[in-house]
PDB file of all heavy atoms in Angstrom:
ATOM      1  N   ARG A   1     -10.006  -0.574 -10.067  1.00  0.00           N
ATOM      2  CA  ARG A   1     -10.267  -1.844  -9.385  1.00  0.00           C
ATOM      3  C   ARG A   1      -9.768  -1.731  -7.940  1.00  0.00           C
ATOM      4  O   ARG A   1      -8.813  -2.371  -7.529  1.00  0.00           O
ATOM      5  CB  ARG A   1      -9.597  -2.992 -10.147  1.00  0.00           C
ATOM      6  CG  ARG A   1     -10.232  -3.201 -11.508  1.00  0.00           C
ATOM      7  CD  ARG A   1      -9.453  -4.095 -12.441  1.00  0.00           C
ATOM      8  NE  ARG A   1      -9.236  -5.449 -11.949  1.00  0.00           N
ATOM      9  CZ  ARG A   1      -8.607  -6.383 -12.655  1.00  0.00           C
ATOM     10  NH1 ARG A   1      -8.154  -6.127 -13.869  1.00  0.00           N
ATOM     11  NH2 ARG A   1      -8.437  -7.582 -12.141  1.00  0.00           N
ATOM     12  N   ARG A   2     -10.456  -0.873  -7.180  1.00  0.00           N
ATOM     13  CA  ARG A   2     -10.032  -0.494  -5.841  1.00  0.00           C
ATOM     14  C   ARG A   2      -9.961  -1.667  -4.863  1.00  0.00           C
ATOM     15  O   ARG A   2      -9.038  -1.755  -4.062  1.00  0.00           O
ATOM     16  CB  ARG A   2     -10.969   0.578  -5.278  1.00  0.00           C
ATOM     17  CG  ARG A   2     -10.900   1.903  -6.014  1.00  0.00           C
ATOM     18  CD  ARG A   2     -11.813   2.947  -5.381  1.00  0.00           C
ATOM     19  NE  ARG A   2     -11.520   3.187  -3.981  1.00  0.00           N
ATOM     20  CZ  ARG A   2     -10.518   3.955  -3.540  1.00  0.00           C
ATOM     21  NH1 ARG A   2      -9.729   4.555  -4.396  1.00  0.00           N
ATOM     22  NH2 ARG A   2     -10.335   4.128  -2.248  1.00  0.00           N
ATOM     23  N   VAL A   3     -10.948  -2.550  -4.904  1.00  0.00           N
ATOM     24  CA  VAL A   3     -10.990  -3.663  -3.946  1.00  0.00           C
ATOM     25  C   VAL A   3      -9.756  -4.540  -4.111  1.00  0.00           C
ATOM     26  O   VAL A   3      -9.091  -4.900  -3.123  1.00  0.00           O
ATOM     27  CB  VAL A   3     -12.290  -4.483  -4.113  1.00  0.00           C
ATOM     28  CG1 VAL A   3     -12.260  -5.751  -3.283  1.00  0.00           C
ATOM     29  CG2 VAL A   3     -13.502  -3.630  -3.752  1.00  0.00           C
ATOM     30  N   GLU A   4      -9.410  -4.854  -5.356  1.00  0.00           N
ATOM     31  CA  GLU A   4      -8.234  -5.688  -5.610  1.00  0.00           C
ATOM     32  C   GLU A   4      -6.947  -4.965  -5.211  1.00  0.00           C
ATOM     33  O   GLU A   4      -6.038  -5.572  -4.632  1.00  0.00           O
ATOM     34  CB  GLU A   4      -8.173  -6.079  -7.086  1.00  0.00           C
ATOM     35  CG  GLU A   4      -9.290  -7.046  -7.480  1.00  0.00           C
ATOM     36  CD  GLU A   4      -9.526  -7.048  -8.974  1.00  0.00           C
ATOM     37  OE1 GLU A   4     -10.076  -6.040  -9.479  1.00  0.00           O
ATOM     38  OE2 GLU A   4      -9.164  -8.048  -9.610  1.00  0.00           O
ATOM     39  N   ALA A   5      -6.889  -3.669  -5.507  1.00  0.00           N
ATOM     40  CA  ALA A   5      -5.706  -2.882  -5.150  1.00  0.00           C
ATOM     41  C   ALA A   5      -5.528  -2.829  -3.641  1.00  0.00           C
ATOM     42  O   ALA A   5      -4.419  -3.021  -3.125  1.00  0.00           O
ATOM     43  CB  ALA A   5      -5.812  -1.474  -5.726  1.00  0.00           C
ATOM     44  N   LYS A   6      -6.611  -2.589  -2.929  1.00  0.00           N
ATOM     45  CA  LYS A   6      -6.537  -2.493  -1.467  1.00  0.00           C
ATOM     46  C   LYS A   6      -6.160  -3.839  -0.838  1.00  0.00           C
ATOM     47  O   LYS A   6      -5.426  -3.883   0.145  1.00  0.00           O
ATOM     48  CB  LYS A   6      -7.853  -1.992  -0.900  1.00  0.00           C
ATOM     49  CG  LYS A   6      -8.031  -0.485  -1.039  1.00  0.00           C
ATOM     50  CD  LYS A   6      -9.325  -0.068  -0.420  1.00  0.00           C
ATOM     51  CE  LYS A   6      -9.361   0.999   0.518  1.00  0.00           C
ATOM     52  NZ  LYS A   6      -8.461   1.702   1.221  1.00  0.00           N
ATOM     53  N   LYS A   7      -6.666  -4.917  -1.414  1.00  0.00           N
ATOM     54  CA  LYS A   7      -6.341  -6.246  -0.897  1.00  0.00           C
ATOM     55  C   LYS A   7      -4.831  -6.498  -0.980  1.00  0.00           C
ATOM     56  O   LYS A   7      -4.217  -6.979  -0.030  1.00  0.00           O
ATOM     57  CB  LYS A   7      -7.106  -7.306  -1.689  1.00  0.00           C
ATOM     58  CG  LYS A   7      -6.928  -8.700  -1.190  1.00  0.00           C
ATOM     59  CD  LYS A   7      -7.786  -9.674  -1.995  1.00  0.00           C
ATOM     60  CE  LYS A   7      -7.542 -11.095  -1.549  1.00  0.00           C
ATOM     61  NZ  LYS A   7      -8.293 -12.059  -2.358  1.00  0.00           N
ATOM     62  N   ILE A   8      -4.223  -6.131  -2.104  1.00  0.00           N
ATOM     63  CA  ILE A   8      -2.778  -6.310  -2.259  1.00  0.00           C
ATOM     64  C   ILE A   8      -2.034  -5.370  -1.318  1.00  0.00           C
ATOM     65  O   ILE A   8      -1.049  -5.762  -0.682  1.00  0.00           O
ATOM     66  CB  ILE A   8      -2.344  -6.089  -3.721  1.00  0.00           C
ATOM     67  CG1 ILE A   8      -2.944  -7.169  -4.618  1.00  0.00           C
ATOM     68  CG2 ILE A   8      -0.812  -6.090  -3.838  1.00  0.00           C
ATOM     69  CD1 ILE A   8      -2.768  -6.907  -6.100  1.00  0.00           C
ATOM     70  N   ALA A   9      -2.503  -4.125  -1.201  1.00  0.00           N
ATOM     71  CA  ALA A   9      -1.852  -3.172  -0.298  1.00  0.00           C
ATOM     72  C   ALA A   9      -1.881  -3.690   1.142  1.00  0.00           C
ATOM     73  O   ALA A   9      -0.877  -3.601   1.859  1.00  0.00           O
ATOM     74  CB  ALA A   9      -2.519  -1.804  -0.399  1.00  0.00           C
ATOM     75  N   GLU A  10      -3.000  -4.242   1.550  1.00  0.00           N
ATOM     76  CA  GLU A  10      -3.097  -4.793   2.903  1.00  0.00           C
ATOM     77  C   GLU A  10      -2.132  -5.962   3.086  1.00  0.00           C
ATOM     78  O   GLU A  10      -1.492  -6.091   4.137  1.00  0.00           O
ATOM     79  CB  GLU A  10      -4.542  -5.228   3.190  1.00  0.00           C
ATOM     80  CG  GLU A  10      -5.482  -4.055   3.352  1.00  0.00           C
ATOM     81  CD  GLU A  10      -6.954  -4.455   3.354  1.00  0.00           C
ATOM     82  OE1 GLU A  10      -7.261  -5.674   3.326  1.00  0.00           O
ATOM     83  OE2 GLU A  10      -7.803  -3.547   3.372  1.00  0.00           O
ATOM     84  N   ARG A  11      -2.027  -6.801   2.060  1.00  0.00           N
ATOM     85  CA  ARG A  11      -1.083  -7.916   2.128  1.00  0.00           C
ATOM     86  C   ARG A  11       0.355  -7.402   2.249  1.00  0.00           C
ATOM     87  O   ARG A  11       1.155  -7.917   3.029  1.00  0.00           O
ATOM     88  CB  ARG A  11      -1.236  -8.806   0.891  1.00  0.00           C
ATOM     89  CG  ARG A  11      -0.418 -10.091   0.989  1.00  0.00           C
ATOM     90  CD  ARG A  11      -0.522 -10.930  -0.257  1.00  0.00           C
ATOM     91  NE  ARG A  11       0.485 -10.430  -1.189  1.00  0.00           N
ATOM     92  CZ  ARG A  11       0.365 -10.425  -2.497  1.00  0.00           C
ATOM     93  NH1 ARG A  11      -0.719 -10.859  -3.073  1.00  0.00           N
ATOM     94  NH2 ARG A  11       1.339  -9.970  -3.258  1.00  0.00           N
ATOM     95  N   LEU A  12       0.676  -6.356   1.489  1.00  0.00           N
ATOM     96  CA  LEU A  12       2.019  -5.768   1.566  1.00  0.00           C
ATOM     97  C   LEU A  12       2.283  -5.155   2.932  1.00  0.00           C
ATOM     98  O   LEU A  12       3.399  -5.239   3.455  1.00  0.00           O
ATOM     99  CB  LEU A  12       2.213  -4.732   0.459  1.00  0.00           C
ATOM    100  CG  LEU A  12       2.386  -5.297  -0.948  1.00  0.00           C
ATOM    101  CD1 LEU A  12       2.304  -4.178  -1.983  1.00  0.00           C
ATOM    102  CD2 LEU A  12       3.694  -6.063  -1.076  1.00  0.00           C
ATOM    103  N   GLU A  13       1.269  -4.541   3.519  1.00  0.00           N
ATOM    104  CA  GLU A  13       1.436  -3.969   4.860  1.00  0.00           C
ATOM    105  C   GLU A  13       1.709  -5.069   5.884  1.00  0.00           C
ATOM    106  O   GLU A  13       2.549  -4.899   6.773  1.00  0.00           O
ATOM    107  CB  GLU A  13       0.213  -3.153   5.255  1.00  0.00           C
ATOM    108  CG  GLU A  13       0.129  -1.833   4.520  1.00  0.00           C
ATOM    109  CD  GLU A  13      -0.948  -0.916   5.059  1.00  0.00           C
ATOM    110  OE1 GLU A  13      -1.134  -0.879   6.299  1.00  0.00           O
ATOM    111  OE2 GLU A  13      -1.591  -0.220   4.247  1.00  0.00           O
ATOM    112  N   MET A  14       1.025  -6.193   5.749  1.00  0.00           N
ATOM    113  CA  MET A  14       1.279  -7.328   6.646  1.00  0.00           C
ATOM    114  C   MET A  14       2.688  -7.881   6.417  1.00  0.00           C
ATOM    115  O   MET A  14       3.395  -8.186   7.374  1.00  0.00           O
ATOM    116  CB  MET A  14       0.229  -8.431   6.429  1.00  0.00           C
ATOM    117  CG  MET A  14      -1.176  -8.028   6.840  1.00  0.00           C
ATOM    118  SD  MET A  14      -1.305  -7.624   8.592  1.00  0.00           S
ATOM    119  CE  MET A  14      -1.124  -9.226   9.298  1.00  0.00           C
ATOM    120  N   GLN A  15       3.059  -7.993   5.167  1.00  0.00           N
ATOM    121  CA  GLN A  15       4.398  -8.473   4.824  1.00  0.00           C
ATOM    122  C   GLN A  15       5.466  -7.545   5.404  1.00  0.00           C
ATOM    123  O   GLN A  15       6.512  -8.008   5.865  1.00  0.00           O
ATOM    124  CB  GLN A  15       4.531  -8.557   3.306  1.00  0.00           C
ATOM    125  CG  GLN A  15       5.823  -9.147   2.806  1.00  0.00           C
ATOM    126  CD  GLN A  15       5.872  -9.204   1.280  1.00  0.00           C
ATOM    127  OE1 GLN A  15       4.847  -9.233   0.611  1.00  0.00           O
ATOM    128  NE2 GLN A  15       7.075  -9.208   0.742  1.00  0.00           N
ATOM    129  N   ALA A  16       5.195  -6.247   5.418  1.00  0.00           N
ATOM    130  CA  ALA A  16       6.155  -5.264   5.932  1.00  0.00           C
ATOM    131  C   ALA A  16       6.414  -5.447   7.429  1.00  0.00           C
ATOM    132  O   ALA A  16       7.445  -5.016   7.934  1.00  0.00           O
ATOM    133  CB  ALA A  16       5.656  -3.851   5.653  1.00  0.00           C
ATOM    134  N   LYS A  17       5.508  -6.092   8.122  1.00  0.00           N
ATOM    135  CA  LYS A  17       5.722  -6.354   9.550  1.00  0.00           C
ATOM    136  C   LYS A  17       6.703  -7.497   9.773  1.00  0.00           C
ATOM    137  O   LYS A  17       7.280  -7.620  10.843  1.00  0.00           O
ATOM    138  CB  LYS A  17       4.386  -6.671  10.226  1.00  0.00           C
ATOM    139  CG  LYS A  17       3.444  -5.485  10.261  1.00  0.00           C
ATOM    140  CD  LYS A  17       2.110  -5.839  10.855  1.00  0.00           C
ATOM    141  CE  LYS A  17       1.182  -4.623  10.809  1.00  0.00           C
ATOM    142  NZ  LYS A  17      -0.167  -4.942  11.259  1.00  0.00           N
ATOM    143  N   GLN A  18       6.887  -8.336   8.739  1.00  0.00           N
ATOM    144  CA  GLN A  18       7.760  -9.513   8.847  1.00  0.00           C
ATOM    145  C   GLN A  18       9.082  -9.350   8.099  1.00  0.00           C
ATOM    146  O   GLN A  18      10.097  -9.899   8.503  1.00  0.00           O
ATOM    147  CB  GLN A  18       7.032 -10.751   8.288  1.00  0.00           C
ATOM    148  CG  GLN A  18       5.686 -11.016   8.908  1.00  0.00           C
ATOM    149  CD  GLN A  18       5.792 -11.314  10.392  1.00  0.00           C
ATOM    150  OE1 GLN A  18       6.691 -12.022  10.820  1.00  0.00           O
ATOM    151  NE2 GLN A  18       4.900 -10.755  11.194  1.00  0.00           N
ATOM    152  N   SER A  19       9.028  -8.638   6.973  1.00  0.00           N
ATOM    153  CA  SER A  19      10.215  -8.475   6.138  1.00  0.00           C
ATOM    154  C   SER A  19      10.147  -7.106   5.459  1.00  0.00           C
ATOM    155  O   SER A  19       9.130  -6.411   5.529  1.00  0.00           O
ATOM    156  CB  SER A  19      10.300  -9.589   5.092  1.00  0.00           C
ATOM    157  OG  SER A  19       9.165  -9.559   4.243  1.00  0.00           O
ATOM    158  N   TYR A  20      11.226  -6.763   4.785  1.00  0.00           N
ATOM    159  CA  TYR A  20      11.292  -5.427   4.191  1.00  0.00           C
ATOM    160  C   TYR A  20      10.343  -5.274   3.008  1.00  0.00           C
ATOM    161  O   TYR A  20      10.330  -6.091   2.084  1.00  0.00           O
ATOM    162  CB  TYR A  20      12.719  -5.116   3.735  1.00  0.00           C
ATOM    163  CG  TYR A  20      12.815  -3.768   3.082  1.00  0.00           C
ATOM    164  CD1 TYR A  20      12.801  -2.614   3.857  1.00  0.00           C
ATOM    165  CD2 TYR A  20      12.869  -3.642   1.699  1.00  0.00           C
ATOM    166  CE1 TYR A  20      12.867  -1.364   3.269  1.00  0.00           C
ATOM    167  CE2 TYR A  20      12.936  -2.392   1.105  1.00  0.00           C
ATOM    168  CZ  TYR A  20      12.925  -1.267   1.892  1.00  0.00           C
ATOM    169  OH  TYR A  20      12.977  -0.035   1.302  1.00  0.00           O
ATOM    170  N   VAL A  21       9.553  -4.228   3.050  1.00  0.00           N
ATOM    171  CA  VAL A  21       8.735  -3.766   1.929  1.00  0.00           C
ATOM    172  C   VAL A  21       8.950  -2.258   1.884  1.00  0.00           C
ATOM    173  O   VAL A  21       8.774  -1.570   2.891  1.00  0.00           O
ATOM    174  CB  VAL A  21       7.235  -4.085   2.107  1.00  0.00           C
ATOM    175  CG1 VAL A  21       6.406  -3.456   1.004  1.00  0.00           C
ATOM    176  CG2 VAL A  21       7.004  -5.595   2.159  1.00  0.00           C
ATOM    177  N   SER A  22       9.315  -1.755   0.735  1.00  0.00           N
ATOM    178  CA  SER A  22       9.587  -0.329   0.612  1.00  0.00           C
ATOM    179  C   SER A  22       8.336   0.507   0.893  1.00  0.00           C
ATOM    180  O   SER A  22       7.311   0.330   0.232  1.00  0.00           O
ATOM    181  CB  SER A  22      10.095  -0.022  -0.797  1.00  0.00           C
ATOM    182  OG  SER A  22      10.141   1.375  -1.000  1.00  0.00           O
ATOM    183  N   PRO A  23       8.419   1.430   1.850  1.00  0.00           N
ATOM    184  CA  PRO A  23       7.301   2.343   2.099  1.00  0.00           C
ATOM    185  C   PRO A  23       6.974   3.167   0.855  1.00  0.00           C
ATOM    186  O   PRO A  23       5.824   3.556   0.635  1.00  0.00           O
ATOM    187  CB  PRO A  23       7.808   3.247   3.227  1.00  0.00           C
ATOM    188  CG  PRO A  23       8.913   2.502   3.866  1.00  0.00           C
ATOM    189  CD  PRO A  23       9.525   1.660   2.794  1.00  0.00           C
ATOM    190  N   PHE A  24       7.971   3.408   0.054  1.00  0.00           N
ATOM    191  CA  PHE A  24       7.825   4.152  -1.193  1.00  0.00           C
ATOM    192  C   PHE A  24       6.832   3.444  -2.125  1.00  0.00           C
ATOM    193  O   PHE A  24       5.984   4.076  -2.753  1.00  0.00           O
ATOM    194  CB  PHE A  24       9.213   4.228  -1.833  1.00  0.00           C
ATOM    195  CG  PHE A  24       9.395   5.274  -2.882  1.00  0.00           C
ATOM    196  CD1 PHE A  24       9.462   6.613  -2.543  1.00  0.00           C
ATOM    197  CD2 PHE A  24       9.560   4.918  -4.205  1.00  0.00           C
ATOM    198  CE1 PHE A  24       9.681   7.578  -3.506  1.00  0.00           C
ATOM    199  CE2 PHE A  24       9.784   5.875  -5.175  1.00  0.00           C
ATOM    200  CZ  PHE A  24       9.837   7.210  -4.822  1.00  0.00           C
ATOM    201  N   LEU A  25       6.924   2.116  -2.198  1.00  0.00           N
ATOM    202  CA  LEU A  25       6.014   1.334  -3.041  1.00  0.00           C
ATOM    203  C   LEU A  25       4.576   1.438  -2.547  1.00  0.00           C
ATOM    204  O   LEU A  25       3.646   1.636  -3.325  1.00  0.00           O
ATOM    205  CB  LEU A  25       6.436  -0.136  -3.072  1.00  0.00           C
ATOM    206  CG  LEU A  25       7.776  -0.464  -3.701  1.00  0.00           C
ATOM    207  CD1 LEU A  25       8.090  -1.942  -3.538  1.00  0.00           C
ATOM    208  CD2 LEU A  25       7.788  -0.060  -5.167  1.00  0.00           C
ATOM    209  N   LEU A  26       4.405   1.305  -1.238  1.00  0.00           N
ATOM    210  CA  LEU A  26       3.052   1.417  -0.680  1.00  0.00           C
ATOM    211  C   LEU A  26       2.494   2.816  -0.871  1.00  0.00           C
ATOM    212  O   LEU A  26       1.306   2.982  -1.156  1.00  0.00           O
ATOM    213  CB  LEU A  26       3.062   1.025   0.794  1.00  0.00           C
ATOM    214  CG  LEU A  26       3.029  -0.484   1.016  1.00  0.00           C
ATOM    215  CD1 LEU A  26       3.516  -0.848   2.397  1.00  0.00           C
ATOM    216  CD2 LEU A  26       1.629  -1.018   0.771  1.00  0.00           C
ATOM    217  N   ALA A  27       3.344   3.807  -0.758  1.00  0.00           N
ATOM    218  CA  ALA A  27       2.884   5.187  -0.974  1.00  0.00           C
ATOM    219  C   ALA A  27       2.349   5.355  -2.391  1.00  0.00           C
ATOM    220  O   ALA A  27       1.308   5.993  -2.602  1.00  0.00           O
ATOM    221  CB  ALA A  27       4.021   6.171  -0.713  1.00  0.00           C
ATOM    222  N   LYS A  28       3.024   4.769  -3.375  1.00  0.00           N
ATOM    223  CA  LYS A  28       2.561   4.866  -4.762  1.00  0.00           C
ATOM    224  C   LYS A  28       1.173   4.254  -4.922  1.00  0.00           C
ATOM    225  O   LYS A  28       0.314   4.794  -5.616  1.00  0.00           O
ATOM    226  CB  LYS A  28       3.534   4.170  -5.717  1.00  0.00           C
ATOM    227  CG  LYS A  28       4.780   4.938  -5.996  1.00  0.00           C
ATOM    228  CD  LYS A  28       5.609   4.215  -7.060  1.00  0.00           C
ATOM    229  CE  LYS A  28       6.840   4.991  -7.415  1.00  0.00           C
ATOM    230  NZ  LYS A  28       7.555   4.387  -8.561  1.00  0.00           N
ATOM    231  N   VAL A  29       0.961   3.114  -4.272  1.00  0.00           N
ATOM    232  CA  VAL A  29      -0.346   2.456  -4.355  1.00  0.00           C
ATOM    233  C   VAL A  29      -1.422   3.375  -3.780  1.00  0.00           C
ATOM    234  O   VAL A  29      -2.479   3.570  -4.390  1.00  0.00           O
ATOM    235  CB  VAL A  29      -0.339   1.099  -3.622  1.00  0.00           C
ATOM    236  CG1 VAL A  29      -1.747   0.504  -3.572  1.00  0.00           C
ATOM    237  CG2 VAL A  29       0.634   0.137  -4.294  1.00  0.00           C
ATOM    238  N   TYR A  30      -1.146   3.971  -2.624  1.00  0.00           N
ATOM    239  CA  TYR A  30      -2.144   4.841  -1.999  1.00  0.00           C
ATOM    240  C   TYR A  30      -2.377   6.127  -2.797  1.00  0.00           C
ATOM    241  O   TYR A  30      -3.496   6.647  -2.814  1.00  0.00           O
ATOM    242  CB  TYR A  30      -1.797   5.106  -0.537  1.00  0.00           C
ATOM    243  CG  TYR A  30      -2.088   3.886   0.311  1.00  0.00           C
ATOM    244  CD1 TYR A  30      -1.077   3.144   0.888  1.00  0.00           C
ATOM    245  CD2 TYR A  30      -3.398   3.445   0.469  1.00  0.00           C
ATOM    246  CE1 TYR A  30      -1.349   2.004   1.629  1.00  0.00           C
ATOM    247  CE2 TYR A  30      -3.687   2.305   1.213  1.00  0.00           C
ATOM    248  CZ  TYR A  30      -2.655   1.587   1.782  1.00  0.00           C
ATOM    249  OH  TYR A  30      -2.945   0.454   2.500  1.00  0.00           O
ATOM    250  N   VAL A  31      -1.355   6.613  -3.478  1.00  0.00           N
ATOM    251  CA  VAL A  31      -1.561   7.764  -4.370  1.00  0.00           C
ATOM    252  C   VAL A  31      -2.545   7.373  -5.470  1.00  0.00           C
ATOM    253  O   VAL A  31      -3.496   8.095  -5.766  1.00  0.00           O
ATOM    254  CB  VAL A  31      -0.237   8.257  -4.999  1.00  0.00           C
ATOM    255  CG1 VAL A  31      -0.500   9.243  -6.126  1.00  0.00           C
ATOM    256  CG2 VAL A  31       0.641   8.911  -3.953  1.00  0.00           C
ATOM    257  N   ALA A  32      -2.308   6.213  -6.070  1.00  0.00           N
ATOM    258  CA  ALA A  32      -3.187   5.758  -7.150  1.00  0.00           C
ATOM    259  C   ALA A  32      -4.611   5.515  -6.665  1.00  0.00           C
ATOM    260  O   ALA A  32      -5.570   5.698  -7.419  1.00  0.00           O
ATOM    261  CB  ALA A  32      -2.622   4.491  -7.789  1.00  0.00           C
ATOM    262  N   LEU A  33      -4.756   5.142  -5.398  1.00  0.00           N
ATOM    263  CA  LEU A  33      -6.087   4.954  -4.819  1.00  0.00           C
ATOM    264  C   LEU A  33      -6.741   6.287  -4.450  1.00  0.00           C
ATOM    265  O   LEU A  33      -7.898   6.319  -4.055  1.00  0.00           O
ATOM    266  CB  LEU A  33      -5.998   4.060  -3.569  1.00  0.00           C
ATOM    267  CG  LEU A  33      -5.795   2.575  -3.832  1.00  0.00           C
ATOM    268  CD1 LEU A  33      -5.382   1.855  -2.554  1.00  0.00           C
ATOM    269  CD2 LEU A  33      -7.067   1.962  -4.418  1.00  0.00           C
ATOM    270  N   GLY A  34      -5.981   7.359  -4.549  1.00  0.00           N
ATOM    271  CA  GLY A  34      -6.507   8.669  -4.186  1.00  0.00           C
ATOM    272  C   GLY A  34      -6.470   8.929  -2.692  1.00  0.00           C
ATOM    273  O   GLY A  34      -7.054   9.892  -2.205  1.00  0.00           O
ATOM    274  N   GLU A  35      -5.774   8.084  -1.949  1.00  0.00           N
ATOM    275  CA  GLU A  35      -5.669   8.229  -0.500  1.00  0.00           C
ATOM    276  C   GLU A  35      -4.363   8.968  -0.176  1.00  0.00           C
ATOM    277  O   GLU A  35      -3.374   8.375   0.256  1.00  0.00           O
ATOM    278  CB  GLU A  35      -5.727   6.860   0.172  1.00  0.00           C
ATOM    279  CG  GLU A  35      -7.058   6.161  -0.056  1.00  0.00           C
ATOM    280  CD  GLU A  35      -7.156   4.810   0.641  1.00  0.00           C
ATOM    281  OE1 GLU A  35      -6.414   4.572   1.628  1.00  0.00           O
ATOM    282  OE2 GLU A  35      -7.977   3.998   0.192  1.00  0.00           O
ATOM    283  N   LYS A  36      -4.413  10.271  -0.385  1.00  0.00           N
ATOM    284  CA  LYS A  36      -3.204  11.082  -0.260  1.00  0.00           C
ATOM    285  C   LYS A  36      -2.612  11.071   1.141  1.00  0.00           C
ATOM    286  O   LYS A  36      -1.387  10.987   1.305  1.00  0.00           O
ATOM    287  CB  LYS A  36      -3.490  12.514  -0.706  1.00  0.00           C
ATOM    288  CG  LYS A  36      -3.790  12.633  -2.182  1.00  0.00           C
ATOM    289  CD  LYS A  36      -4.099  14.071  -2.575  1.00  0.00           C
ATOM    290  CE  LYS A  36      -4.404  14.174  -4.055  1.00  0.00           C
ATOM    291  NZ  LYS A  36      -4.671  15.571  -4.445  1.00  0.00           N
ATOM    292  N   GLU A  37      -3.453  11.155   2.149  1.00  0.00           N
ATOM    293  CA  GLU A  37      -2.943  11.167   3.526  1.00  0.00           C
ATOM    294  C   GLU A  37      -2.226   9.864   3.853  1.00  0.00           C
ATOM    295  O   GLU A  37      -1.164   9.861   4.473  1.00  0.00           O
ATOM    296  CB  GLU A  37      -4.069  11.427   4.537  1.00  0.00           C
ATOM    297  CG  GLU A  37      -4.549  12.863   4.535  1.00  0.00           C
ATOM    298  CD  GLU A  37      -3.435  13.842   4.898  1.00  0.00           C
ATOM    299  OE1 GLU A  37      -2.685  13.590   5.871  1.00  0.00           O
ATOM    300  OE2 GLU A  37      -3.297  14.869   4.205  1.00  0.00           O
ATOM    301  N   ARG A  38      -2.822   8.758   3.413  1.00  0.00           N
ATOM    302  CA  ARG A  38      -2.197   7.437   3.654  1.00  0.00           C
ATOM    303  C   ARG A  38      -0.868   7.341   2.897  1.00  0.00           C
ATOM    304  O   ARG A  38       0.104   6.809   3.425  1.00  0.00           O
ATOM    305  CB  ARG A  38      -3.167   6.342   3.197  1.00  0.00           C
ATOM    306  CG  ARG A  38      -2.775   4.980   3.610  1.00  0.00           C
ATOM    307  CD  ARG A  38      -3.315   4.685   5.009  1.00  0.00           C
ATOM    308  NE  ARG A  38      -3.045   3.295   5.286  1.00  0.00           N
ATOM    309  CZ  ARG A  38      -2.281   2.882   6.281  1.00  0.00           C
ATOM    310  NH1 ARG A  38      -1.761   3.739   7.111  1.00  0.00           N
ATOM    311  NH2 ARG A  38      -2.067   1.615   6.474  1.00  0.00           N
ATOM    312  N   ALA A  39      -0.835   7.867   1.685  1.00  0.00           N
ATOM    313  CA  ALA A  39       0.406   7.865   0.906  1.00  0.00           C
ATOM    314  C   ALA A  39       1.495   8.650   1.627  1.00  0.00           C
ATOM    315  O   ALA A  39       2.636   8.181   1.747  1.00  0.00           O
ATOM    316  CB  ALA A  39       0.154   8.450  -0.482  1.00  0.00           C
ATOM    317  N   ILE A  40       1.138   9.811   2.137  1.00  0.00           N
ATOM    318  CA  ILE A  40       2.123  10.646   2.833  1.00  0.00           C
ATOM    319  C   ILE A  40       2.591   9.966   4.121  1.00  0.00           C
ATOM    320  O   ILE A  40       3.766  10.042   4.483  1.00  0.00           O
ATOM    321  CB  ILE A  40       1.576  12.068   3.066  1.00  0.00           C
ATOM    322  CG1 ILE A  40       1.421  12.773   1.704  1.00  0.00           C
ATOM    323  CG2 ILE A  40       2.489  12.860   3.998  1.00  0.00           C
ATOM    324  CD1 ILE A  40       0.700  14.105   1.748  1.00  0.00           C
TER     325      ILE A  40
END
């Protein structure tokens, strides 16, 4: 369910600009999406 996953990831990226969001968590999401470069 890539569209839903990406929507949440984008929301987390926006949230990370205002408050702490672990980069580690976002990396896991991008690994699961198969976006290895983005995860790294």
